[in-house]
Amino acid sequence: MRPDIRTRKLRGVSAEDESWLREHSVKDLRNLVFEMYNLGEDVSDMVPLVNYMEELETKLITEQKLVSGEEMDIDVMDMVQTFEHIHA
């Protein structure tokens, strides 16, 4: 059984950042990273995560449409944790 998303925590992520991830989409994250880049921030470690999340989102949406014919909400927190697990 998968743990409830409301009780899971991300390694090395502040409570404020985690709250933001729970409330925003992958597109919001991409826009934030782009804004940070334009402000001169080093986002090189964030780009692979955003790319992975977008690929996973596309795959999940496609699979969900094939199975149910309906759109699906994407769990950004779950995607970040999956990325962490793969790249740990």
C-alpha atoms as a PDB file:
ATOM      1  CA  MET A   1       0.000   0.000   0.000  1.00  0.00           C
ATOM      2  CA  ARG A   2       1.305   3.459  -0.924  1.00  0.00           C
ATOM      3  CA  PRO A   3       1.809   5.920   1.935  1.00  0.00           C
ATOM      4  CA  ASP A   4      -0.594   8.826   2.089  1.00  0.00           C
ATOM      5  CA  ILE A   5       0.914  11.851   0.282  1.00  0.00           C
ATOM      6  CA  ARG A   6      -0.054  14.109   3.173  1.00  0.00           C
ATOM      7  CA  THR A   7       2.324  12.266   5.494  1.00  0.00           C
ATOM      8  CA  ARG A   8       5.323  11.819   3.185  1.00  0.00           C
ATOM      9  CA  LYS A   9       8.315  14.143   3.432  1.00  0.00           C
ATOM     10  CA  LEU A  10      11.036  15.019   0.934  1.00  0.00           C
ATOM     11  CA  ARG A  11      14.679  14.747   1.916  1.00  0.00           C
ATOM     12  CA  GLY A  12      16.399  18.101   2.283  1.00  0.00           C
ATOM     13  CA  VAL A  13      13.301  20.140   1.401  1.00  0.00           C
ATOM     14  CA  SER A  14      11.981  22.816   3.726  1.00  0.00           C
ATOM     15  CA  ALA A  15       8.375  22.699   4.905  1.00  0.00           C
ATOM     16  CA  GLU A  16       7.660  25.863   2.908  1.00  0.00           C
ATOM     17  CA  ASP A  17       9.066  24.378  -0.302  1.00  0.00           C
ATOM     18  CA  GLU A  18       7.212  21.142   0.274  1.00  0.00           C
ATOM     19  CA  SER A  19       3.975  23.070   0.764  1.00  0.00           C
ATOM     20  CA  TRP A  20       4.583  24.894  -2.526  1.00  0.00           C
ATOM     21  CA  LEU A  21       5.103  21.592  -4.344  1.00  0.00           C
ATOM     22  CA  ARG A  22       1.833  20.241  -2.958  1.00  0.00           C
ATOM     23  CA  GLU A  23      -0.098  23.231  -4.299  1.00  0.00           C
ATOM     24  CA  HIS A  24       1.439  23.715  -7.758  1.00  0.00           C
ATOM     25  CA  SER A  25       1.723  21.939 -11.074  1.00  0.00           C
ATOM     26  CA  VAL A  26       4.744  20.764 -13.034  1.00  0.00           C
ATOM     27  CA  LYS A  27       4.218  23.749 -15.336  1.00  0.00           C
ATOM     28  CA  ASP A  28       4.380  26.076 -12.315  1.00  0.00           C
ATOM     29  CA  LEU A  29       7.671  24.462 -11.318  1.00  0.00           C
ATOM     30  CA  ARG A  30       9.065  24.877 -14.843  1.00  0.00           C
ATOM     31  CA  ASN A  31       8.039  28.568 -14.795  1.00  0.00           C
ATOM     32  CA  LEU A  32       9.683  29.072 -11.384  1.00  0.00           C
ATOM     33  CA  VAL A  33      12.938  27.484 -12.563  1.00  0.00           C
ATOM     34  CA  PHE A  34      12.857  29.685 -15.682  1.00  0.00           C
ATOM     35  CA  GLU A  35      12.338  32.808 -13.546  1.00  0.00           C
ATOM     36  CA  MET A  36      15.218  31.793 -11.290  1.00  0.00           C
ATOM     37  CA  TYR A  37      17.432  31.249 -14.333  1.00  0.00           C
ATOM     38  CA  ASN A  38      16.537  34.701 -15.659  1.00  0.00           C
ATOM     39  CA  LEU A  39      17.523  36.162 -12.270  1.00  0.00           C
ATOM     40  CA  GLY A  40      20.959  34.581 -12.594  1.00  0.00           C
ATOM     41  CA  GLU A  41      20.431  31.633 -10.251  1.00  0.00           C
ATOM     42  CA  ASP A  42      22.179  28.340 -10.905  1.00  0.00           C
ATOM     43  CA  VAL A  43      19.337  25.969 -11.787  1.00  0.00           C
ATOM     44  CA  SER A  44      21.463  23.229 -13.330  1.00  0.00           C
ATOM     45  CA  ASP A  45      20.447  20.716 -10.644  1.00  0.00           C
ATOM     46  CA  MET A  46      16.747  21.558 -11.049  1.00  0.00           C
ATOM     47  CA  VAL A  47      16.479  21.202 -14.823  1.00  0.00           C
ATOM     48  CA  PRO A  48      16.841  17.382 -14.880  1.00  0.00           C
ATOM     49  CA  LEU A  49      14.132  17.089 -12.219  1.00  0.00           C
ATOM     50  CA  VAL A  50      11.713  19.304 -14.144  1.00  0.00           C
ATOM     51  CA  ASN A  51      12.440  17.460 -17.397  1.00  0.00           C
ATOM     52  CA  TYR A  52      11.885  14.105 -15.696  1.00  0.00           C
ATOM     53  CA  MET A  53       8.637  15.317 -14.143  1.00  0.00           C
ATOM     54  CA  GLU A  54       7.342  16.586 -17.482  1.00  0.00           C
ATOM     55  CA  GLU A  55       8.183  13.284 -19.184  1.00  0.00           C
ATOM     56  CA  LEU A  56       6.507  11.333 -16.407  1.00  0.00           C
ATOM     57  CA  GLU A  57       3.480  13.630 -16.457  1.00  0.00           C
ATOM     58  CA  THR A  58       3.064  13.116 -20.205  1.00  0.00           C
ATOM     59  CA  LYS A  59       3.417   9.358 -19.825  1.00  0.00           C
ATOM     60  CA  LEU A  60       0.933   9.194 -16.932  1.00  0.00           C
ATOM     61  CA  ILE A  61      -1.630  11.356 -18.715  1.00  0.00           C
ATOM     62  CA  THR A  62      -1.328   9.262 -21.875  1.00  0.00           C
ATOM     63  CA  GLU A  63      -1.706   6.006 -19.936  1.00  0.00           C
ATOM     64  CA  GLN A  64      -4.653   7.356 -17.955  1.00  0.00           C
ATOM     65  CA  LYS A  65      -6.441   8.457 -21.123  1.00  0.00           C
ATOM     66  CA  LEU A  66      -5.943   5.016 -22.652  1.00  0.00           C
ATOM     67  CA  VAL A  67      -7.279   3.267 -19.553  1.00  0.00           C
ATOM     68  CA  SER A  68     -10.170   5.506 -18.574  1.00  0.00           C
ATOM     69  CA  GLY A  69     -10.600   8.015 -21.356  1.00  0.00           C
ATOM     70  CA  GLU A  70     -10.383  10.785 -18.736  1.00  0.00           C
ATOM     71  CA  GLU A  71      -7.813  13.357 -17.647  1.00  0.00           C
ATOM     72  CA  MET A  72      -5.907  12.802 -14.428  1.00  0.00           C
ATOM     73  CA  ASP A  73      -4.416  15.072 -11.779  1.00  0.00           C
ATOM     74  CA  ILE A  74      -0.649  14.671 -11.500  1.00  0.00           C
ATOM     75  CA  ASP A  75       0.840  14.410  -8.010  1.00  0.00           C
ATOM     76  CA  VAL A  76       3.939  16.634  -8.093  1.00  0.00           C
ATOM     77  CA  MET A  77       5.121  15.419  -4.682  1.00  0.00           C
ATOM     78  CA  ASP A  78       4.953  11.812  -5.816  1.00  0.00           C
ATOM     79  CA  MET A  79       6.944  12.674  -8.926  1.00  0.00           C
ATOM     80  CA  VAL A  80       9.663  14.432  -6.919  1.00  0.00           C
ATOM     81  CA  GLN A  81       9.936  11.491  -4.535  1.00  0.00           C
ATOM     82  CA  THR A  82      10.153   9.041  -7.430  1.00  0.00           C
ATOM     83  CA  PHE A  83      12.945  11.136  -8.944  1.00  0.00           C
ATOM     84  CA  GLU A  84      14.756  11.197  -5.584  1.00  0.00           C
ATOM     85  CA  HIS A  85      14.464   7.430  -5.278  1.00  0.00           C
ATOM     86  CA  ILE A  86      15.796   6.813  -8.785  1.00  0.00           C
ATOM     87  CA  HIS A  87      18.695   9.258  -8.377  1.00  0.00           C
ATOM     88  CA  ALA A  88      19.603   8.429  -4.757  1.00  0.00           C
END
